[in-house]
Amino acid sequence: MNIPLIINIVVFVGLIFLLAQTRKTDWSLSKKVLAGLVLGVVFGLGLHLIYGGGHPILAESISWFNIVGNGYVKLLQMVVMPLVFVSILGAVAKLHQASSLGKISFYTIGTLLFTTLIAALVGVFVTNLFGLTAKGLVQGAAETARLTAINTDYVGKVTDLSVPQFILSFIPSNPFAELTGANPTSIISVVIFAVFLGIAALNLMKDDAEKGQRILTAIQTLQSWVMKLVRLVMTLTPYGVFALMTKVVASSNVADILNLGGFLVASYLGLAIMFVVHAIILTMTGVSPLKFFKKVAPVLTFAFTSRSSAASIPLSIETQTRRLGVPESIASFSASFGATIGQNGCAGLYPAMLAVMVAPTMGINTLDPMWIASLVGIVTLSSIGVAGVGGGATFAALIVLPAMGLPVTLVALLISIEPLIDMGRTALNVNGSMTAGVVTSQLMGQTDKEILNNEDEIELTQHH
């Protein structure tokens, strides 16, 4: 029997029981998540100090911890499709007139793409500021393996599609296949299907009020039911965050972090600048950024640890409607679109940074305004279909780099610090989609000011 492994697992389970004691307190979900985060960091550091980064016992322990961590993310992914489907369906069916649909989509997608464009510029700026290039990076065994995987898994799926084909791939020919998340753009396809169904329900209301009313009641019932499911899964957040954090901290390799430290620092500087940009945009539409960030903190914490934009959709919708006073229709749209269109971190900042790093090796001047303009254009356009699952950034980089005539090898070289940067990027993506929701809601004058100005911590897990 492997004694150290068993000890690790016993301690892990013990800490989960300790975390479960928070149920008896009246702590808010964000406090519990924070407790999970801190426990995870402490436990992870402990393991790291005892075993060091790449120890076999550590690897085996982590594969057991993953049952909780990855299990939690899987549960969230389980909820994503039903949630997006019923939220959009419910949102459209409640609209009474389909004309505001166009407005909502236009503002939401506009905000998302605009912020992605700025994110790309910020990416170009910080990379040039730090003078990062791809020249000194060494390709080890893990990276080579990653590169072959990238070439087989992703490149065929992505680079073969021209822009028109890409746009066509949003339209679902088989909605039930899309509900299974079969394609990278499945979320958008589900949104489109739900919108059509919703409009059909509205038209039915006009022609046959009795049947229409029944459908509306059914949709609302379905929505309440799915929300109950979402809240069930959300109560598990502290445990998931604890396990995910333990894994990240315990398995980080200090040498890799120091080696790629410049890239890490530049990335986080870029992310910080983007959060400031979001704050400025919010201020311009008349929302206090301090109030906003205080209210969205639990979602950002979750996005940060889970590294999945799509998995954050449930929390994002809840926060927008119950803390920021955004109507449900707008919240559902911005959260669902935001997980696929215009992710500021994964599809904006990151591909732009990589492009600027690779370009000098090809003899391109990265300060050339024309080159920067074409890069920003391509980044913004290709951000339209990046899936909100982990690894979306890799996907985005594989669309942008070939389009700029650059090699994709660099993507694999950053594998060792990918998780650390991905955490910040995901938080930025999710913040971008919530910002888009608030901006849209403000521009359309539909924000519930009472909810927005309410200082109390509204619980996200309890039923209201």
Protein backbone atom coordinates (compact mmCIF):
# COMPACT_ATOMS: atom_id res chain seq x y z
CA MET A 1 0.00 0.00 0.00
CA ASN A 2 1.12 3.50 -0.81
CA ILE A 3 1.10 5.13 2.65
CA PRO A 4 1.96 8.77 1.66
CA LEU A 5 -0.77 8.72 -0.99
CA ILE A 6 -3.36 7.51 1.52
CA ILE A 7 -2.26 10.18 4.01
CA ASN A 8 -2.64 12.88 1.34
CA ILE A 9 -6.13 11.69 0.44
CA VAL A 10 -7.16 11.46 4.10
CA VAL A 11 -5.95 15.02 4.74
CA PHE A 12 -7.77 16.19 1.59
CA VAL A 13 -11.03 14.61 2.74
CA GLY A 14 -10.47 16.01 6.23
CA LEU A 15 -10.09 19.52 4.84
CA ILE A 16 -13.28 19.08 2.83
CA PHE A 17 -15.09 18.16 6.06
CA LEU A 18 -13.57 21.23 7.68
CA LEU A 19 -14.85 23.33 4.78
CA ALA A 20 -18.27 21.70 5.13
CA GLN A 21 -18.50 23.11 8.65
CA THR A 22 -19.05 26.52 7.04
CA ARG A 23 -22.58 25.34 6.25
CA LYS A 24 -23.45 25.84 9.91
CA THR A 25 -22.33 29.47 9.79
CA ASP A 26 -24.24 32.24 8.07
CA TRP A 27 -21.35 32.96 5.73
CA SER A 28 -22.18 34.17 2.24
CA LEU A 29 -21.19 32.00 -0.71
CA SER A 30 -18.33 34.37 -1.56
CA LYS A 31 -16.89 33.94 1.94
CA LYS A 32 -17.11 30.15 1.65
CA VAL A 33 -15.46 30.24 -1.77
CA LEU A 34 -12.71 32.43 -0.36
CA ALA A 35 -12.23 29.94 2.50
CA GLY A 36 -11.93 27.15 -0.08
CA LEU A 37 -9.44 29.22 -2.05
CA VAL A 38 -7.24 29.90 0.98
CA LEU A 39 -7.38 26.27 2.17
CA GLY A 40 -6.45 25.11 -1.33
CA VAL A 41 -3.46 27.44 -1.52
CA VAL A 42 -2.22 26.40 1.94
CA PHE A 43 -2.69 22.67 1.31
CA GLY A 44 -1.18 22.97 -2.17
CA LEU A 45 1.86 24.81 -0.83
CA GLY A 46 2.29 22.16 1.85
CA LEU A 47 2.25 19.37 -0.72
CA HIS A 48 4.58 21.33 -2.97
CA LEU A 49 7.10 21.82 -0.15
CA ILE A 50 6.99 18.15 0.86
CA TYR A 51 7.13 16.58 -2.60
CA GLY A 52 8.34 19.26 -5.00
CA GLY A 53 6.71 19.88 -8.40
CA GLY A 54 6.86 16.64 -10.38
CA HIS A 55 6.81 13.87 -7.77
CA PRO A 56 4.90 10.66 -8.77
CA ILE A 57 3.07 10.49 -5.42
CA LEU A 58 1.98 14.09 -5.88
CA ALA A 59 0.76 13.34 -9.40
CA GLU A 60 -1.24 10.38 -8.14
CA SER A 61 -2.67 12.37 -5.23
CA ILE A 62 -3.75 15.09 -7.63
CA SER A 63 -5.51 12.59 -9.86
CA TRP A 64 -7.59 11.67 -6.80
CA PHE A 65 -8.20 15.31 -5.86
CA ASN A 66 -9.37 15.83 -9.44
CA ILE A 67 -12.46 13.79 -8.66
CA VAL A 68 -13.64 16.78 -6.66
CA GLY A 69 -12.10 19.56 -8.76
CA ASN A 70 -12.79 18.36 -12.29
CA GLY A 71 -15.95 16.66 -11.11
CA TYR A 72 -17.25 20.04 -10.05
CA VAL A 73 -16.36 21.68 -13.35
CA LYS A 74 -18.08 18.82 -15.17
CA LEU A 75 -21.23 19.32 -13.11
CA LEU A 76 -21.19 22.98 -14.11
CA GLN A 77 -20.73 22.06 -17.75
CA MET A 78 -23.66 19.69 -17.32
CA VAL A 79 -25.81 22.66 -16.32
CA VAL A 80 -24.57 25.04 -19.03
CA MET A 81 -26.60 23.86 -22.04
CA PRO A 82 -29.96 23.44 -20.26
CA LEU A 83 -29.41 26.79 -18.56
CA VAL A 84 -28.49 28.71 -21.72
CA PHE A 85 -31.39 27.09 -23.53
CA VAL A 86 -34.10 27.87 -20.96
CA SER A 87 -32.67 31.30 -20.10
CA ILE A 88 -32.68 32.52 -23.68
CA LEU A 89 -36.01 30.84 -24.38
CA GLY A 90 -37.52 32.45 -21.29
CA ALA A 91 -35.90 35.79 -22.06
CA VAL A 92 -37.32 35.94 -25.57
CA ALA A 93 -40.75 34.68 -24.57
CA LYS A 94 -40.99 37.41 -21.92
CA LEU A 95 -40.09 40.19 -24.34
CA HIS A 96 -43.60 40.78 -25.74
CA GLN A 97 -42.08 42.24 -28.89
CA ALA A 98 -39.28 40.70 -30.86
CA SER A 99 -37.90 44.08 -31.96
CA SER A 100 -35.93 44.68 -28.75
CA LEU A 101 -34.09 41.42 -29.50
CA GLY A 102 -32.09 43.08 -32.24
CA LYS A 103 -31.21 45.96 -29.95
CA ILE A 104 -30.08 43.70 -27.12
CA SER A 105 -27.94 41.56 -29.45
CA PHE A 106 -26.45 44.61 -31.15
CA TYR A 107 -25.44 46.34 -27.91
CA THR A 108 -24.20 43.16 -26.22
CA ILE A 109 -22.14 41.89 -29.14
CA GLY A 110 -20.97 45.43 -29.91
CA THR A 111 -19.66 45.90 -26.37
CA LEU A 112 -18.01 42.47 -26.38
CA LEU A 113 -16.23 43.04 -29.70
CA PHE A 114 -15.25 46.61 -28.80
CA THR A 115 -13.63 45.49 -25.53
CA THR A 116 -11.90 42.62 -27.36
CA LEU A 117 -10.48 45.13 -29.83
CA ILE A 118 -9.08 47.18 -26.95
CA ALA A 119 -7.76 43.99 -25.32
CA ALA A 120 -5.85 43.16 -28.52
CA LEU A 121 -4.30 46.64 -28.51
CA VAL A 122 -3.37 46.23 -24.84
CA GLY A 123 -1.78 42.88 -25.73
CA VAL A 124 0.35 44.51 -28.42
CA PHE A 125 1.29 47.29 -26.00
CA VAL A 126 2.39 45.17 -23.01
CA THR A 127 4.32 42.68 -25.15
CA ASN A 128 6.27 45.48 -26.83
CA LEU A 129 6.70 47.23 -23.48
CA PHE A 130 8.36 44.13 -21.98
CA GLY A 131 10.19 43.39 -25.23
CA LEU A 132 9.01 39.77 -25.17
CA THR A 133 9.99 37.57 -28.10
CA ALA A 134 9.80 33.87 -28.81
CA LYS A 135 13.54 33.67 -29.41
CA GLY A 136 14.84 32.25 -26.15
CA LEU A 137 12.15 29.64 -25.43
CA VAL A 138 13.27 26.03 -25.37
CA GLN A 139 11.12 23.19 -26.61
CA GLY A 140 11.13 20.28 -24.17
CA ALA A 141 9.46 16.89 -24.33
CA ALA A 142 6.13 17.96 -22.84
CA GLU A 143 5.89 20.86 -25.28
CA THR A 144 6.66 18.65 -28.28
CA ALA A 145 3.91 16.26 -27.23
CA ARG A 146 1.56 19.19 -26.80
CA LEU A 147 2.41 20.48 -30.27
CA THR A 148 1.59 17.17 -31.95
CA ALA A 149 -1.69 17.09 -30.02
CA ILE A 150 -2.46 20.63 -31.14
CA ASN A 151 -1.71 19.83 -34.75
CA THR A 152 -3.97 16.79 -34.76
CA ASP A 153 -6.81 17.97 -32.53
CA TYR A 154 -7.31 21.60 -33.28
CA VAL A 155 -5.72 22.81 -36.43
CA GLY A 156 -7.86 20.80 -38.84
CA LYS A 157 -11.07 21.85 -37.15
CA VAL A 158 -10.24 25.52 -37.08
CA THR A 159 -7.98 26.66 -39.85
CA ASP A 160 -9.88 24.97 -42.68
CA LEU A 161 -12.94 27.15 -42.19
CA SER A 162 -13.13 30.36 -44.16
CA VAL A 163 -14.99 33.26 -42.54
CA PRO A 164 -18.30 32.63 -44.38
CA GLN A 165 -18.18 28.91 -43.48
CA PHE A 166 -17.34 29.88 -39.95
CA ILE A 167 -20.41 32.12 -39.69
CA LEU A 168 -22.54 29.41 -41.28
CA SER A 169 -21.37 26.95 -38.63
CA PHE A 170 -23.30 28.97 -36.02
CA ILE A 171 -26.62 28.05 -37.58
CA PRO A 172 -27.83 24.75 -36.14
CA SER A 173 -28.94 22.17 -38.70
CA ASN A 174 -29.59 19.74 -35.86
CA PRO A 175 -30.46 21.57 -32.65
CA PHE A 176 -30.36 18.37 -30.60
CA ALA A 177 -26.80 17.65 -31.70
CA GLU A 178 -25.86 21.21 -30.72
CA LEU A 179 -27.40 20.74 -27.28
CA THR A 180 -24.81 18.01 -26.76
CA GLY A 181 -22.09 20.61 -27.28
CA ALA A 182 -20.74 18.76 -30.29
CA ASN A 183 -19.09 21.77 -31.96
CA PRO A 184 -16.89 24.60 -30.74
CA THR A 185 -19.70 27.01 -31.58
CA SER A 186 -22.50 24.93 -30.04
CA ILE A 187 -23.42 27.54 -27.45
CA ILE A 188 -24.18 30.11 -30.14
CA SER A 189 -26.21 27.54 -32.09
CA VAL A 190 -28.25 26.76 -28.98
CA VAL A 191 -28.84 30.48 -28.46
CA ILE A 192 -30.07 30.82 -32.05
CA PHE A 193 -32.38 27.80 -31.72
CA ALA A 194 -33.79 29.10 -28.42
CA VAL A 195 -34.38 32.54 -29.93
CA PHE A 196 -36.40 31.04 -32.79
CA LEU A 197 -38.41 28.89 -30.39
CA GLY A 198 -39.03 31.93 -28.21
CA ILE A 199 -40.23 34.04 -31.13
CA ALA A 200 -42.48 31.16 -32.18
CA ALA A 201 -43.97 31.18 -28.67
CA LEU A 202 -44.60 34.94 -28.95
CA ASN A 203 -46.36 34.44 -32.28
CA LEU A 204 -48.43 31.65 -30.79
CA MET A 205 -49.51 34.02 -28.01
CA LYS A 206 -50.87 36.40 -30.63
CA ASP A 207 -52.80 33.76 -32.56
CA ASP A 208 -53.98 31.43 -29.81
CA ALA A 209 -53.72 33.08 -26.42
CA GLU A 210 -54.71 29.98 -24.46
CA LYS A 211 -52.06 27.69 -25.96
CA GLY A 212 -49.51 30.49 -25.88
CA GLN A 213 -50.17 31.02 -22.19
CA ARG A 214 -49.67 27.31 -21.55
CA ILE A 215 -46.34 27.38 -23.35
CA LEU A 216 -45.23 30.44 -21.38
CA THR A 217 -46.18 28.79 -18.09
CA ALA A 218 -44.28 25.68 -19.17
CA ILE A 219 -41.20 27.74 -20.04
CA GLN A 220 -41.32 29.55 -16.69
CA THR A 221 -41.74 26.27 -14.82
CA LEU A 222 -38.85 24.76 -16.74
CA GLN A 223 -36.76 27.81 -15.96
CA SER A 224 -37.42 27.64 -12.21
CA TRP A 225 -36.61 23.94 -12.28
CA VAL A 226 -33.30 24.43 -14.09
CA MET A 227 -32.40 27.32 -11.77
CA LYS A 228 -32.92 25.00 -8.80
CA LEU A 229 -30.51 22.58 -10.47
CA VAL A 230 -27.99 25.38 -11.01
CA ARG A 231 -28.18 26.46 -7.37
CA LEU A 232 -27.69 22.87 -6.23
CA VAL A 233 -24.46 22.68 -8.18
CA MET A 234 -23.43 26.16 -7.07
CA THR A 235 -23.53 25.18 -3.39
CA LEU A 236 -20.62 22.86 -4.22
CA THR A 237 -18.47 25.78 -5.40
CA PRO A 238 -16.25 26.07 -2.27
CA TYR A 239 -15.25 22.40 -2.51
CA GLY A 240 -14.55 22.62 -6.23
CA VAL A 241 -12.49 25.77 -5.80
CA PHE A 242 -10.54 24.15 -2.94
CA ALA A 243 -9.64 21.10 -5.05
CA LEU A 244 -8.78 23.14 -8.15
CA MET A 245 -6.59 25.55 -6.20
CA THR A 246 -4.76 22.69 -4.44
CA LYS A 247 -3.97 21.20 -7.83
CA VAL A 248 -2.68 24.45 -9.36
CA VAL A 249 -0.49 25.38 -6.40
CA ALA A 250 0.87 21.88 -5.76
CA SER A 251 1.77 21.12 -9.35
CA SER A 252 3.26 24.49 -10.39
CA ASN A 253 6.89 24.25 -11.30
CA VAL A 254 8.87 27.16 -9.86
CA ALA A 255 11.60 26.94 -12.51
CA ASP A 256 9.06 27.23 -15.33
CA ILE A 257 7.42 30.20 -13.69
CA LEU A 258 10.75 32.02 -13.33
CA ASN A 259 11.76 31.08 -16.87
CA LEU A 260 8.56 32.50 -18.36
CA GLY A 261 8.18 35.12 -15.64
CA GLY A 262 8.29 38.01 -18.10
CA PHE A 263 5.35 36.61 -20.02
CA LEU A 264 3.45 35.96 -16.79
CA VAL A 265 3.97 39.51 -15.50
CA ALA A 266 3.16 41.05 -18.88
CA SER A 267 -0.04 38.99 -19.11
CA TYR A 268 -1.24 40.06 -15.69
CA LEU A 269 -0.36 43.69 -16.41
CA GLY A 270 -2.44 43.44 -19.59
CA LEU A 271 -5.31 41.86 -17.66
CA ALA A 272 -5.13 44.61 -15.03
CA ILE A 273 -5.24 47.31 -17.72
CA MET A 274 -8.33 45.63 -19.21
CA PHE A 275 -10.11 45.61 -15.85
CA VAL A 276 -9.44 49.36 -15.69
CA VAL A 277 -10.87 49.72 -19.22
CA HIS A 278 -14.03 47.89 -18.07
CA ALA A 279 -14.21 50.23 -15.09
CA ILE A 280 -13.98 53.27 -17.38
CA ILE A 281 -16.70 51.90 -19.69
CA LEU A 282 -18.96 51.27 -16.67
CA THR A 283 -18.34 54.79 -15.36
CA MET A 284 -19.24 56.22 -18.78
CA THR A 285 -22.59 54.42 -18.69
CA GLY A 286 -23.22 55.65 -15.15
CA VAL A 287 -22.39 52.64 -12.97
CA SER A 288 -19.90 52.91 -10.11
CA PRO A 289 -17.05 50.46 -10.82
CA LEU A 290 -16.39 49.96 -7.10
CA LYS A 291 -19.97 48.88 -6.54
CA PHE A 292 -19.80 46.66 -9.63
CA PHE A 293 -16.60 44.86 -8.63
CA LYS A 294 -17.79 44.37 -5.08
CA LYS A 295 -20.90 42.66 -6.39
CA VAL A 296 -19.25 40.48 -9.02
CA ALA A 297 -16.32 39.36 -6.83
CA PRO A 298 -17.67 35.81 -6.19
CA VAL A 299 -18.14 35.21 -9.93
CA LEU A 300 -14.64 36.43 -10.69
CA THR A 301 -13.20 34.22 -7.93
CA PHE A 302 -15.02 31.27 -9.39
CA ALA A 303 -13.99 32.02 -12.98
CA PHE A 304 -10.42 32.47 -11.79
CA THR A 305 -10.22 29.05 -10.15
CA SER A 306 -12.35 26.99 -12.54
CA ARG A 307 -10.79 28.43 -15.72
CA SER A 308 -14.02 27.87 -17.63
CA SER A 309 -15.97 30.79 -19.08
CA ALA A 310 -18.88 28.55 -19.97
CA ALA A 311 -19.08 27.09 -16.48
CA SER A 312 -19.37 30.63 -15.13
CA ILE A 313 -22.54 31.35 -17.14
CA PRO A 314 -24.90 30.29 -14.31
CA LEU A 315 -23.18 32.52 -11.75
CA SER A 316 -22.95 35.37 -14.22
CA ILE A 317 -26.68 35.37 -14.98
CA GLU A 318 -27.53 35.15 -11.28
CA THR A 319 -25.22 38.02 -10.38
CA GLN A 320 -26.42 40.27 -13.16
CA THR A 321 -30.09 39.80 -12.35
CA ARG A 322 -29.92 39.68 -8.57
CA ARG A 323 -27.05 42.01 -7.72
CA LEU A 324 -26.66 44.37 -10.66
CA GLY A 325 -30.32 44.83 -11.56
CA VAL A 326 -29.93 43.75 -15.19
CA PRO A 327 -33.16 42.32 -16.67
CA GLU A 328 -33.09 38.57 -17.23
CA SER A 329 -33.34 38.87 -21.00
CA ILE A 330 -30.19 40.98 -21.23
CA ALA A 331 -28.33 38.96 -18.59
CA SER A 332 -28.96 35.65 -20.36
CA PHE A 333 -27.85 37.09 -23.68
CA SER A 334 -24.69 38.73 -22.40
CA ALA A 335 -23.65 35.69 -20.36
CA SER A 336 -24.24 33.21 -23.20
CA PHE A 337 -22.76 35.39 -25.93
CA GLY A 338 -19.89 36.40 -23.67
CA ALA A 339 -18.79 32.79 -23.29
CA THR A 340 -18.33 32.46 -27.04
CA ILE A 341 -18.07 35.90 -28.66
CA GLY A 342 -15.38 38.41 -27.82
CA GLN A 343 -13.70 36.87 -24.84
CA ASN A 344 -11.41 39.71 -23.76
CA GLY A 345 -8.76 37.51 -22.17
CA CYS A 346 -8.66 34.32 -24.20
CA ALA A 347 -9.53 35.67 -27.62
CA GLY A 348 -8.32 39.27 -27.35
CA LEU A 349 -5.29 39.80 -25.16
CA TYR A 350 -3.64 36.38 -25.47
CA PRO A 351 -3.53 35.84 -29.28
CA ALA A 352 -2.33 39.42 -29.76
CA MET A 353 0.49 38.89 -27.26
CA LEU A 354 1.56 35.66 -28.96
CA ALA A 355 1.51 37.28 -32.40
CA VAL A 356 3.76 40.10 -31.20
CA MET A 357 6.14 37.57 -29.65
CA VAL A 358 6.41 35.42 -32.78
CA ALA A 359 6.56 38.23 -35.35
CA PRO A 360 10.19 39.33 -34.71
CA THR A 361 11.41 35.78 -35.45
CA MET A 362 9.88 36.24 -38.92
CA GLY A 363 11.54 39.62 -39.36
CA ILE A 364 8.36 41.65 -38.86
CA ASN A 365 8.49 45.04 -37.13
CA THR A 366 5.88 44.77 -34.37
CA LEU A 367 5.58 48.55 -34.00
CA ASP A 368 4.41 49.02 -37.59
CA PRO A 369 0.95 50.65 -37.35
CA MET A 370 -0.39 48.83 -40.42
CA TRP A 371 0.66 45.46 -39.03
CA ILE A 372 -0.88 46.26 -35.65
CA ALA A 373 -4.12 47.37 -37.32
CA SER A 374 -4.43 44.15 -39.32
CA LEU A 375 -3.59 42.07 -36.23
CA VAL A 376 -6.23 43.81 -34.13
CA GLY A 377 -8.79 43.36 -36.92
CA ILE A 378 -8.09 39.65 -37.27
CA VAL A 379 -8.10 39.10 -33.49
CA THR A 380 -11.45 40.85 -33.11
CA LEU A 381 -13.08 38.94 -35.97
CA SER A 382 -11.74 35.57 -34.91
CA SER A 383 -12.96 36.13 -31.34
CA ILE A 384 -16.49 35.47 -32.57
CA GLY A 385 -16.47 31.73 -32.17
CA VAL A 386 -14.04 30.74 -29.46
CA ALA A 387 -15.69 28.11 -27.31
CA GLY A 388 -16.04 28.81 -23.61
CA VAL A 389 -14.41 25.58 -22.53
CA GLY A 390 -10.93 25.33 -21.07
CA GLY A 391 -8.37 25.76 -23.81
CA GLY A 392 -10.32 28.45 -25.64
CA ALA A 393 -7.21 30.61 -25.76
CA THR A 394 -5.24 27.92 -27.58
CA PHE A 395 -8.10 27.77 -30.05
CA ALA A 396 -8.03 31.54 -30.55
CA ALA A 397 -4.27 31.61 -31.03
CA LEU A 398 -4.53 28.85 -33.65
CA ILE A 399 -6.93 30.98 -35.68
CA VAL A 400 -5.00 34.25 -35.35
CA LEU A 401 -1.41 33.11 -35.90
CA PRO A 402 -1.93 31.30 -39.25
CA ALA A 403 -4.15 34.17 -40.44
CA MET A 404 -1.22 36.54 -39.81
CA GLY A 405 1.14 34.12 -41.58
CA LEU A 406 2.92 33.19 -38.35
CA PRO A 407 3.95 29.71 -37.12
CA VAL A 408 1.97 28.18 -34.24
CA THR A 409 4.85 26.53 -32.34
CA LEU A 410 4.84 29.18 -29.61
CA VAL A 411 1.42 28.07 -28.42
CA ALA A 412 2.93 24.82 -27.17
CA LEU A 413 5.94 26.45 -25.54
CA LEU A 414 3.84 28.29 -22.99
CA ILE A 415 2.16 25.10 -21.77
CA SER A 416 3.90 25.07 -18.39
CA ILE A 417 2.46 28.37 -17.18
CA GLU A 418 -0.76 28.13 -19.16
CA PRO A 419 -2.94 27.34 -16.10
CA LEU A 420 -1.64 30.33 -14.13
CA ILE A 421 -2.39 32.78 -16.93
CA ASP A 422 -5.61 31.07 -17.92
CA MET A 423 -7.05 31.81 -14.49
CA GLY A 424 -6.68 35.55 -14.93
CA ARG A 425 -7.84 35.43 -18.55
CA THR A 426 -11.03 33.61 -17.63
CA ALA A 427 -11.83 36.14 -14.91
CA LEU A 428 -11.41 38.87 -17.52
CA ASN A 429 -13.63 37.05 -20.06
CA VAL A 430 -16.41 36.71 -17.52
CA ASN A 431 -16.03 40.30 -16.34
CA GLY A 432 -16.27 41.37 -19.98
CA SER A 433 -19.56 39.58 -20.46
CA MET A 434 -21.03 41.03 -17.26
CA THR A 435 -19.82 44.49 -18.28
CA ALA A 436 -21.55 44.01 -21.64
CA GLY A 437 -24.75 43.08 -19.82
CA VAL A 438 -24.67 46.14 -17.57
CA VAL A 439 -23.76 48.48 -20.45
CA THR A 440 -26.61 47.12 -22.61
CA SER A 441 -29.03 47.39 -19.73
CA GLN A 442 -27.94 50.98 -19.03
CA LEU A 443 -28.10 52.04 -22.69
CA MET A 444 -31.62 50.62 -22.95
CA GLY A 445 -32.56 52.23 -19.64
CA GLN A 446 -33.72 48.92 -18.16
CA THR A 447 -31.50 48.61 -15.09
CA ASP A 448 -33.30 48.10 -11.79
CA LYS A 449 -31.54 50.88 -9.84
CA GLU A 450 -32.87 49.61 -6.53
CA ILE A 451 -31.07 46.27 -6.91
CA LEU A 452 -27.94 47.95 -8.27
CA ASN A 453 -27.70 50.38 -5.35
CA ASN A 454 -28.58 47.80 -2.71
CA GLU A 455 -25.55 47.36 -0.47
CA ASP A 456 -26.57 44.02 1.07
CA GLU A 457 -24.86 40.82 0.02
CA ILE A 458 -27.62 39.09 -1.92
CA GLU A 459 -27.04 35.35 -1.66
CA LEU A 460 -26.61 33.69 -5.04
CA THR A 461 -27.46 30.18 -3.93
CA GLN A 462 -30.64 30.60 -1.97
CA HIS A 463 -33.93 30.92 -3.70
CA HIS A 464 -35.38 34.38 -3.71
